[in-house]
Each structure stands twice: as structure tokens, then as C-alpha cells.
Amino acid sequence: MEHALIAALVEMSPYRRGLRPLVAEIARAAQICDQVREAVARIAGRAGGAAPTRSALGEDRALIMAFLEHIFFASPAFLASAGMAGRTQTHV
């Protein structure tokens, strides 16, 4: 997954400040997830080798923004700010 493309997508997210340090991890996660990997490939195709614009996101916009939102809210920095760092999930 191209680092520059993921970095450009991160810049479109309202959570970009928290996501910027995670670009390498986001790229790895995007590569693993078929749905996200395929969406990123379509966006790259629509962008034609240039940095993607909002219009290049097309029908993949909602998926990519939801993916980035999920990464942000699962990030160690967010969990620490919410007082949840190091906590494990328990089921009742």
C-alpha cells in the first residue's frame, strides 16, 4: 500500500491530527482488509497517479472515512486520552 496515498487520505479525515503518526500502521491495516484495499485501489485509479481529491473518493468515501474513524478511536493515543489505556474489555 502506497504510504503517500494513505497519508493523503488521512489528510481528508476530521481525525487527521491523531491519525498522522499512524500512517504506516493504517497502510498495513488497509492492505490486510480486502474491502479497504480494493477501495484504496479504486481511489488511486480515479486519482490517476496524482494525490487524491475528495471527488476521487467517489462511492468509496464513506468506507474510507469509517475505516479511518475506527482506527482513530481504537488508537492508543485516543484510548489514553479517554482514560482507557491498558484496560481490557470484559463481557458480562
PDB file of N, CA and C in Angstrom:
ATOM      1  N   MET A   1       0.859  -1.172   0.000  1.00  0.00           N
ATOM      2  CA  MET A   1       0.000   0.000   0.000  1.00  0.00           C
ATOM      3  C   MET A   1       0.902   1.231   0.000  1.00  0.00           C
ATOM      4  N   GLU A   2       0.640   2.131  -0.898  1.00  0.00           N
ATOM      5  CA  GLU A   2       1.480   3.319  -1.042  1.00  0.00           C
ATOM      6  C   GLU A   2       1.281   4.270   0.140  1.00  0.00           C
ATOM      7  N   HIS A   3       2.378   4.551   0.829  1.00  0.00           N
ATOM      8  CA  HIS A   3       2.370   5.416   2.010  1.00  0.00           C
ATOM      9  C   HIS A   3       1.812   6.801   1.681  1.00  0.00           C
ATOM     10  N   ALA A   4       2.205   7.384   0.561  1.00  0.00           N
ATOM     11  CA  ALA A   4       1.760   8.739   0.195  1.00  0.00           C
ATOM     12  C   ALA A   4       0.257   8.788  -0.037  1.00  0.00           C
ATOM     13  N   LEU A   5      -0.302   7.742  -0.628  1.00  0.00           N
ATOM     14  CA  LEU A   5      -1.746   7.703  -0.872  1.00  0.00           C
ATOM     15  C   LEU A   5      -2.506   7.632   0.447  1.00  0.00           C
ATOM     16  N   ILE A   6      -2.062   6.772   1.347  1.00  0.00           N
ATOM     17  CA  ILE A   6      -2.711   6.666   2.661  1.00  0.00           C
ATOM     18  C   ILE A   6      -2.572   7.984   3.414  1.00  0.00           C
ATOM     19  N   ALA A   7      -1.402   8.603   3.358  1.00  0.00           N
ATOM     20  CA  ALA A   7      -1.202   9.896   4.025  1.00  0.00           C
ATOM     21  C   ALA A   7      -2.157  10.946   3.470  1.00  0.00           C
ATOM     22  N   ALA A   8      -2.382  10.940   2.161  1.00  0.00           N
ATOM     23  CA  ALA A   8      -3.308  11.899   1.549  1.00  0.00           C
ATOM     24  C   ALA A   8      -4.741  11.633   1.999  1.00  0.00           C
ATOM     25  N   LEU A   9      -5.116  10.370   2.122  1.00  0.00           N
ATOM     26  CA  LEU A   9      -6.462  10.039   2.605  1.00  0.00           C
ATOM     27  C   LEU A   9      -6.629  10.462   4.063  1.00  0.00           C
ATOM     28  N   VAL A  10      -5.594  10.250   4.868  1.00  0.00           N
ATOM     29  CA  VAL A  10      -5.627  10.676   6.273  1.00  0.00           C
ATOM     30  C   VAL A  10      -5.876  12.177   6.360  1.00  0.00           C
ATOM     31  N   GLU A  11      -5.270  12.946   5.471  1.00  0.00           N
ATOM     32  CA  GLU A  11      -5.436  14.403   5.496  1.00  0.00           C
ATOM     33  C   GLU A  11      -6.875  14.833   5.216  1.00  0.00           C
ATOM     34  N   MET A  12      -7.683  13.968   4.637  1.00  0.00           N
ATOM     35  CA  MET A  12      -9.090  14.282   4.378  1.00  0.00           C
ATOM     36  C   MET A  12      -9.979  13.966   5.576  1.00  0.00           C
ATOM     37  N   SER A  13      -9.431  13.278   6.558  1.00  0.00           N
ATOM     38  CA  SER A  13     -10.208  12.865   7.723  1.00  0.00           C
ATOM     39  C   SER A  13     -10.286  13.977   8.762  1.00  0.00           C
ATOM     40  N   PRO A  14     -11.437  14.115   9.423  1.00  0.00           N
ATOM     41  CA  PRO A  14     -11.510  15.079  10.521  1.00  0.00           C
ATOM     42  C   PRO A  14     -10.619  14.674  11.704  1.00  0.00           C
ATOM     43  N   TYR A  15     -10.133  13.454  11.707  1.00  0.00           N
ATOM     44  CA  TYR A  15      -9.269  12.943  12.780  1.00  0.00           C
ATOM     45  C   TYR A  15      -7.797  12.950  12.384  1.00  0.00           C
ATOM     46  N   ARG A  16      -7.453  13.711  11.354  1.00  0.00           N
ATOM     47  CA  ARG A  16      -6.097  13.682  10.786  1.00  0.00           C
ATOM     48  C   ARG A  16      -4.999  13.942  11.798  1.00  0.00           C
ATOM     49  N   ARG A  17      -5.219  14.839  12.761  1.00  0.00           N
ATOM     50  CA  ARG A  17      -4.155  15.126  13.738  1.00  0.00           C
ATOM     51  C   ARG A  17      -3.766  13.876  14.513  1.00  0.00           C
ATOM     52  N   GLY A  18      -4.744  13.108  14.919  1.00  0.00           N
ATOM     53  CA  GLY A  18      -4.456  11.882  15.656  1.00  0.00           C
ATOM     54  C   GLY A  18      -4.003  10.730  14.780  1.00  0.00           C
ATOM     55  N   LEU A  19      -4.359  10.789  13.496  1.00  0.00           N
ATOM     56  CA  LEU A  19      -4.022   9.700  12.580  1.00  0.00           C
ATOM     57  C   LEU A  19      -2.652   9.851  11.931  1.00  0.00           C
ATOM     58  N   ARG A  20      -2.167  11.068  11.811  1.00  0.00           N
ATOM     59  CA  ARG A  20      -0.880  11.287  11.114  1.00  0.00           C
ATOM     60  C   ARG A  20       0.243  10.389  11.624  1.00  0.00           C
ATOM     61  N   PRO A  21       0.413  10.241  12.944  1.00  0.00           N
ATOM     62  CA  PRO A  21       1.513   9.384  13.412  1.00  0.00           C
ATOM     63  C   PRO A  21       1.297   7.895  13.112  1.00  0.00           C
ATOM     64  N   LEU A  22       0.098   7.537  12.669  1.00  0.00           N
ATOM     65  CA  LEU A  22      -0.247   6.132  12.469  1.00  0.00           C
ATOM     66  C   LEU A  22      -0.292   5.713  11.005  1.00  0.00           C
ATOM     67  N   VAL A  23       0.194   6.557  10.104  1.00  0.00           N
ATOM     68  CA  VAL A  23       0.049   6.279   8.667  1.00  0.00           C
ATOM     69  C   VAL A  23       0.611   4.909   8.289  1.00  0.00           C
ATOM     70  N   ALA A  24       1.763   4.537   8.792  1.00  0.00           N
ATOM     71  CA  ALA A  24       2.346   3.228   8.442  1.00  0.00           C
ATOM     72  C   ALA A  24       1.444   2.088   8.912  1.00  0.00           C
ATOM     73  N   GLU A  25       0.917   2.202  10.123  1.00  0.00           N
ATOM     74  CA  GLU A  25       0.020   1.171  10.643  1.00  0.00           C
ATOM     75  C   GLU A  25      -1.292   1.148   9.870  1.00  0.00           C
ATOM     76  N   ILE A  26      -1.786   2.327   9.492  1.00  0.00           N
ATOM     77  CA  ILE A  26      -3.021   2.407   8.706  1.00  0.00           C
ATOM     78  C   ILE A  26      -2.818   1.730   7.355  1.00  0.00           C
ATOM     79  N   ALA A  27      -1.679   1.958   6.741  1.00  0.00           N
ATOM     80  CA  ALA A  27      -1.386   1.323   5.448  1.00  0.00           C
ATOM     81  C   ALA A  27      -1.360  -0.196   5.585  1.00  0.00           C
ATOM     82  N   ARG A  28      -0.768  -0.701   6.666  1.00  0.00           N
ATOM     83  CA  ARG A  28      -0.738  -2.153   6.878  1.00  0.00           C
ATOM     84  C   ARG A  28      -2.148  -2.698   7.088  1.00  0.00           C
ATOM     85  N   ALA A  29      -2.949  -2.007   7.889  1.00  0.00           N
ATOM     86  CA  ALA A  29      -4.327  -2.453   8.130  1.00  0.00           C
ATOM     87  C   ALA A  29      -5.147  -2.416   6.845  1.00  0.00           C
ATOM     88  N   ALA A  30      -4.958  -1.382   6.043  1.00  0.00           N
ATOM     89  CA  ALA A  30      -5.683  -1.260   4.775  1.00  0.00           C
ATOM     90  C   ALA A  30      -5.298  -2.385   3.826  1.00  0.00           C
ATOM     91  N   GLN A  31      -4.054  -2.807   3.856  1.00  0.00           N
ATOM     92  CA  GLN A  31      -3.587  -3.889   2.985  1.00  0.00           C
ATOM     93  C   GLN A  31      -4.211  -5.218   3.381  1.00  0.00           C
ATOM     94  N   ILE A  32      -4.426  -5.416   4.656  1.00  0.00           N
ATOM     95  CA  ILE A  32      -4.967  -6.680   5.162  1.00  0.00           C
ATOM     96  C   ILE A  32      -6.458  -6.821   4.858  1.00  0.00           C
ATOM     97  N   CYS A  33      -7.190  -5.736   4.940  1.00  0.00           N
ATOM     98  CA  CYS A  33      -8.647  -5.760   4.756  1.00  0.00           C
ATOM     99  C   CYS A  33      -8.989  -5.665   3.268  1.00  0.00           C
ATOM    100  N   ASP A  34      -9.556  -6.738   2.719  1.00  0.00           N
ATOM    101  CA  ASP A  34      -9.875  -6.768   1.285  1.00  0.00           C
ATOM    102  C   ASP A  34     -10.736  -5.587   0.857  1.00  0.00           C
ATOM    103  N   GLN A  35     -11.781  -5.302   1.612  1.00  0.00           N
ATOM    104  CA  GLN A  35     -12.711  -4.236   1.242  1.00  0.00           C
ATOM    105  C   GLN A  35     -12.008  -2.880   1.184  1.00  0.00           C
ATOM    106  N   VAL A  36     -11.188  -2.595   2.173  1.00  0.00           N
ATOM    107  CA  VAL A  36     -10.471  -1.315   2.207  1.00  0.00           C
ATOM    108  C   VAL A  36      -9.388  -1.289   1.132  1.00  0.00           C
ATOM    109  N   ARG A  37      -8.655  -2.383   0.978  1.00  0.00           N
ATOM    110  CA  ARG A  37      -7.604  -2.441  -0.040  1.00  0.00           C
ATOM    111  C   ARG A  37      -8.179  -2.189  -1.438  1.00  0.00           C
ATOM    112  N   GLU A  38      -9.310  -2.801  -1.740  1.00  0.00           N
ATOM    113  CA  GLU A  38      -9.940  -2.610  -3.047  1.00  0.00           C
ATOM    114  C   GLU A  38     -10.433  -1.179  -3.221  1.00  0.00           C
ATOM    115  N   ALA A  39     -10.979  -0.588  -2.154  1.00  0.00           N
ATOM    116  CA  ALA A  39     -11.438   0.805  -2.224  1.00  0.00           C
ATOM    117  C   ALA A  39     -10.268   1.746  -2.476  1.00  0.00           C
ATOM    118  N   VAL A  40      -9.162   1.519  -1.784  1.00  0.00           N
ATOM    119  CA  VAL A  40      -7.977   2.367  -1.974  1.00  0.00           C
ATOM    120  C   VAL A  40      -7.457   2.226  -3.404  1.00  0.00           C
ATOM    121  N   ALA A  41      -7.498   1.019  -3.941  1.00  0.00           N
ATOM    122  CA  ALA A  41      -7.057   0.814  -5.330  1.00  0.00           C
ATOM    123  C   ALA A  41      -7.957   1.574  -6.304  1.00  0.00           C
ATOM    124  N   ARG A  42      -9.257   1.553  -6.068  1.00  0.00           N
ATOM    125  CA  ARG A  42     -10.177   2.303  -6.942  1.00  0.00           C
ATOM    126  C   ARG A  42      -9.919   3.802  -6.843  1.00  0.00           C
ATOM    127  N   ILE A  43      -9.685   4.283  -5.623  1.00  0.00           N
ATOM    128  CA  ILE A  43      -9.398   5.710  -5.427  1.00  0.00           C
ATOM    129  C   ILE A  43      -8.113   6.085  -6.158  1.00  0.00           C
ATOM    130  N   ALA A  44      -7.102   5.251  -6.035  1.00  0.00           N
ATOM    131  CA  ALA A  44      -5.833   5.512  -6.732  1.00  0.00           C
ATOM    132  C   ALA A  44      -6.061   5.569  -8.236  1.00  0.00           C
ATOM    133  N   GLY A  45      -6.885   4.679  -8.747  1.00  0.00           N
ATOM    134  CA  GLY A  45      -7.193   4.681 -10.172  1.00  0.00           C
ATOM    135  C   GLY A  45      -7.909   5.946 -10.608  1.00  0.00           C
ATOM    136  N   ARG A  46      -8.869   6.385  -9.801  1.00  0.00           N
ATOM    137  CA  ARG A  46      -9.602   7.615 -10.132  1.00  0.00           C
ATOM    138  C   ARG A  46      -8.697   8.835 -10.030  1.00  0.00           C
ATOM    139  N   ALA A  47      -7.719   8.788  -9.125  1.00  0.00           N
ATOM    140  CA  ALA A  47      -6.802   9.923  -8.960  1.00  0.00           C
ATOM    141  C   ALA A  47      -5.767   9.958 -10.078  1.00  0.00           C
ATOM    142  N   GLY A  48      -5.602   8.856 -10.791  1.00  0.00           N
ATOM    143  CA  GLY A  48      -4.695   8.820 -11.935  1.00  0.00           C
ATOM    144  C   GLY A  48      -3.236   9.090 -11.607  1.00  0.00           C
ATOM    145  N   GLY A  49      -2.779   8.618 -10.463  1.00  0.00           N
ATOM    146  CA  GLY A  49      -1.377   8.807 -10.096  1.00  0.00           C
ATOM    147  C   GLY A  49      -1.097  10.091  -9.336  1.00  0.00           C
ATOM    148  N   ALA A  50      -2.052  10.993  -9.300  1.00  0.00           N
ATOM    149  CA  ALA A  50      -1.899  12.238  -8.537  1.00  0.00           C
ATOM    150  C   ALA A  50      -2.428  12.018  -7.119  1.00  0.00           C
ATOM    151  N   ALA A  51      -2.202  12.994  -6.263  1.00  0.00           N
ATOM    152  CA  ALA A  51      -2.780  12.928  -4.924  1.00  0.00           C
ATOM    153  C   ALA A  51      -4.299  12.926  -5.062  1.00  0.00           C
ATOM    154  N   PRO A  52      -4.986  12.068  -4.311  1.00  0.00           N
ATOM    155  CA  PRO A  52      -6.438  12.006  -4.455  1.00  0.00           C
ATOM    156  C   PRO A  52      -7.116  13.280  -3.955  1.00  0.00           C
ATOM    157  N   THR A  53      -8.190  13.616  -4.608  1.00  0.00           N
ATOM    158  CA  THR A  53      -9.041  14.725  -4.175  1.00  0.00           C
ATOM    159  C   THR A  53     -10.297  14.121  -3.559  1.00  0.00           C
ATOM    160  N   ARG A  54     -11.099  14.947  -2.926  1.00  0.00           N
ATOM    161  CA  ARG A  54     -12.358  14.444  -2.360  1.00  0.00           C
ATOM    162  C   ARG A  54     -13.226  13.800  -3.444  1.00  0.00           C
ATOM    163  N   SER A  55     -13.218  14.374  -4.637  1.00  0.00           N
ATOM    164  CA  SER A  55     -14.035  13.795  -5.710  1.00  0.00           C
ATOM    165  C   SER A  55     -13.502  12.431  -6.145  1.00  0.00           C
ATOM    166  N   ALA A  56     -12.199  12.192  -6.005  1.00  0.00           N
ATOM    167  CA  ALA A  56     -11.625  10.892  -6.365  1.00  0.00           C
ATOM    168  C   ALA A  56     -12.081   9.788  -5.416  1.00  0.00           C
ATOM    169  N   LEU A  57     -12.545  10.164  -4.230  1.00  0.00           N
ATOM    170  CA  LEU A  57     -13.035   9.153  -3.292  1.00  0.00           C
ATOM    171  C   LEU A  57     -14.287   8.481  -3.834  1.00  0.00           C
ATOM    172  N   GLY A  58     -15.101   9.244  -4.553  1.00  0.00           N
ATOM    173  CA  GLY A  58     -16.309   8.688  -5.156  1.00  0.00           C
ATOM    174  C   GLY A  58     -17.153   7.930  -4.158  1.00  0.00           C
ATOM    175  N   GLU A  59     -17.657   6.787  -4.614  1.00  0.00           N
ATOM    176  CA  GLU A  59     -18.540   5.971  -3.771  1.00  0.00           C
ATOM    177  C   GLU A  59     -17.787   5.292  -2.629  1.00  0.00           C
ATOM    178  N   ASP A  60     -16.467   5.388  -2.607  1.00  0.00           N
ATOM    179  CA  ASP A  60     -15.671   4.777  -1.540  1.00  0.00           C
ATOM    180  C   ASP A  60     -15.452   5.708  -0.350  1.00  0.00           C
ATOM    181  N   ARG A  61     -15.956   6.916  -0.438  1.00  0.00           N
ATOM    182  CA  ARG A  61     -15.724   7.910   0.619  1.00  0.00           C
ATOM    183  C   ARG A  61     -16.203   7.421   1.987  1.00  0.00           C
ATOM    184  N   ALA A  62     -17.441   6.942   2.071  1.00  0.00           N
ATOM    185  CA  ALA A  62     -17.996   6.528   3.365  1.00  0.00           C
ATOM    186  C   ALA A  62     -17.177   5.395   3.979  1.00  0.00           C
ATOM    187  N   LEU A  63     -16.789   4.436   3.169  1.00  0.00           N
ATOM    188  CA  LEU A  63     -16.000   3.309   3.669  1.00  0.00           C
ATOM    189  C   LEU A  63     -14.654   3.778   4.209  1.00  0.00           C
ATOM    190  N   ILE A  64     -13.959   4.598   3.447  1.00  0.00           N
ATOM    191  CA  ILE A  64     -12.632   5.062   3.863  1.00  0.00           C
ATOM    192  C   ILE A  64     -12.732   5.923   5.119  1.00  0.00           C
ATOM    193  N   MET A  65     -13.701   6.812   5.177  1.00  0.00           N
ATOM    194  CA  MET A  65     -13.842   7.671   6.356  1.00  0.00           C
ATOM    195  C   MET A  65     -14.222   6.851   7.588  1.00  0.00           C
ATOM    196  N   ALA A  66     -15.069   5.836   7.429  1.00  0.00           N
ATOM    197  CA  ALA A  66     -15.424   4.967   8.558  1.00  0.00           C
ATOM    198  C   ALA A  66     -14.208   4.161   9.023  1.00  0.00           C
ATOM    199  N   PHE A  67     -13.411   3.685   8.083  1.00  0.00           N
ATOM    200  CA  PHE A  67     -12.187   2.945   8.407  1.00  0.00           C
ATOM    201  C   PHE A  67     -11.237   3.825   9.218  1.00  0.00           C
ATOM    202  N   LEU A  68     -11.020   5.052   8.752  1.00  0.00           N
ATOM    203  CA  LEU A  68     -10.111   5.962   9.457  1.00  0.00           C
ATOM    204  C   LEU A  68     -10.666   6.348  10.826  1.00  0.00           C
ATOM    205  N   GLU A  69     -11.973   6.539  10.917  1.00  0.00           N
ATOM    206  CA  GLU A  69     -12.595   6.856  12.208  1.00  0.00           C
ATOM    207  C   GLU A  69     -12.382   5.703  13.188  1.00  0.00           C
ATOM    208  N   HIS A  70     -12.573   4.492  12.724  1.00  0.00           N
ATOM    209  CA  HIS A  70     -12.371   3.320  13.580  1.00  0.00           C
ATOM    210  C   HIS A  70     -10.928   3.254  14.078  1.00  0.00           C
ATOM    211  N   ILE A  71      -9.986   3.455  13.176  1.00  0.00           N
ATOM    212  CA  ILE A  71      -8.568   3.441  13.562  1.00  0.00           C
ATOM    213  C   ILE A  71      -8.306   4.505  14.630  1.00  0.00           C
ATOM    214  N   PHE A  72      -8.836   5.699  14.426  1.00  0.00           N
ATOM    215  CA  PHE A  72      -8.610   6.781  15.385  1.00  0.00           C
ATOM    216  C   PHE A  72      -9.134   6.404  16.768  1.00  0.00           C
ATOM    217  N   PHE A  73     -10.391   5.940  16.844  1.00  0.00           N
ATOM    218  CA  PHE A  73     -10.980   5.658  18.150  1.00  0.00           C
ATOM    219  C   PHE A  73     -10.408   4.403  18.809  1.00  0.00           C
ATOM    220  N   ALA A  74      -9.701   3.583  18.048  1.00  0.00           N
ATOM    221  CA  ALA A  74      -9.027   2.414  18.616  1.00  0.00           C
ATOM    222  C   ALA A  74      -7.550   2.682  18.899  1.00  0.00           C
ATOM    223  N   SER A  75      -7.077   3.883  18.578  1.00  0.00           N
ATOM    224  CA  SER A  75      -5.651   4.187  18.719  1.00  0.00           C
ATOM    225  C   SER A  75      -5.245   4.327  20.186  1.00  0.00           C
ATOM    226  N   PRO A  76      -4.014   3.976  20.498  1.00  0.00           N
ATOM    227  CA  PRO A  76      -3.523   4.129  21.867  1.00  0.00           C
ATOM    228  C   PRO A  76      -3.642   5.567  22.379  1.00  0.00           C
ATOM    229  N   ALA A  77      -3.401   6.545  21.520  1.00  0.00           N
ATOM    230  CA  ALA A  77      -3.478   7.945  21.955  1.00  0.00           C
ATOM    231  C   ALA A  77      -4.899   8.308  22.367  1.00  0.00           C
ATOM    232  N   PHE A  78      -5.890   7.893  21.579  1.00  0.00           N
ATOM    233  CA  PHE A  78      -7.271   8.201  21.945  1.00  0.00           C
ATOM    234  C   PHE A  78      -7.659   7.462  23.215  1.00  0.00           C
ATOM    235  N   LEU A  79      -7.326   6.183  23.297  1.00  0.00           N
ATOM    236  CA  LEU A  79      -7.690   5.414  24.486  1.00  0.00           C
ATOM    237  C   LEU A  79      -7.057   6.005  25.739  1.00  0.00           C
ATOM    238  N   ALA A  80      -5.825   6.477  25.633  1.00  0.00           N
ATOM    239  CA  ALA A  80      -5.174   7.118  26.781  1.00  0.00           C
ATOM    240  C   ALA A  80      -5.900   8.399  27.156  1.00  0.00           C
ATOM    241  N   SER A  81      -6.301   9.181  26.159  1.00  0.00           N
ATOM    242  CA  SER A  81      -6.995  10.443  26.445  1.00  0.00           C
ATOM    243  C   SER A  81      -8.363  10.199  27.065  1.00  0.00           C
ATOM    244  N   ALA A  82      -8.938   9.032  26.789  1.00  0.00           N
ATOM    245  CA  ALA A  82     -10.245   8.688  27.347  1.00  0.00           C
ATOM    246  C   ALA A  82     -10.111   7.925  28.663  1.00  0.00           C
ATOM    247  N   GLY A  83      -8.881   7.791  29.147  1.00  0.00           N
ATOM    248  CA  GLY A  83      -8.644   7.085  30.401  1.00  0.00           C
ATOM    249  C   GLY A  83      -8.826   5.584  30.285  1.00  0.00           C
ATOM    250  N   MET A  84      -8.679   5.053  29.073  1.00  0.00           N
ATOM    251  CA  MET A  84      -8.915   3.632  28.853  1.00  0.00           C
ATOM    252  C   MET A  84      -7.650   2.870  28.492  1.00  0.00           C
ATOM    253  N   ALA A  85      -6.508   3.504  28.540  1.00  0.00           N
ATOM    254  CA  ALA A  85      -5.254   2.837  28.168  1.00  0.00           C
ATOM    255  C   ALA A  85      -5.004   1.659  29.096  1.00  0.00           C
ATOM    256  N   GLY A  86      -4.654   0.534  28.522  1.00  0.00           N
ATOM    257  CA  GLY A  86      -4.322  -0.639  29.310  1.00  0.00           C
ATOM    258  C   GLY A  86      -5.507  -1.415  29.841  1.00  0.00           C
ATOM    259  N   ARG A  87      -6.713  -0.950  29.576  1.00  0.00           N
ATOM    260  CA  ARG A  87      -7.893  -1.662  30.059  1.00  0.00           C
ATOM    261  C   ARG A  87      -8.229  -2.786  29.095  1.00  0.00           C
ATOM    262  N   THR A  88      -8.714  -3.843  29.638  1.00  0.00           N
ATOM    263  CA  THR A  88      -9.164  -4.944  28.789  1.00  0.00           C
ATOM    264  C   THR A  88     -10.675  -4.961  28.793  1.00  0.00           C
ATOM    265  N   GLN A  89     -11.216  -5.425  27.701  1.00  0.00           N
ATOM    266  CA  GLN A  89     -12.664  -5.484  27.584  1.00  0.00           C
ATOM    267  C   GLN A  89     -13.162  -6.703  28.347  1.00  0.00           C
ATOM    268  N   THR A  90     -14.210  -6.521  29.118  1.00  0.00           N
ATOM    269  CA  THR A  90     -14.808  -7.643  29.829  1.00  0.00           C
ATOM    270  C   THR A  90     -16.236  -7.817  29.348  1.00  0.00           C
ATOM    271  N   HIS A  91     -16.677  -9.024  29.364  1.00  0.00           N
ATOM    272  CA  HIS A  91     -18.045  -9.336  28.950  1.00  0.00           C
ATOM    273  C   HIS A  91     -18.807  -9.814  30.168  1.00  0.00           C
ATOM    274  N   VAL A  92     -20.027  -9.364  30.296  1.00  0.00           N
ATOM    275  CA  VAL A  92     -20.863  -9.755  31.436  1.00  0.00           C
ATOM    276  C   VAL A  92     -21.817 -10.824  31.005  1.00  0.00           C
TER     277      VAL A  92
END
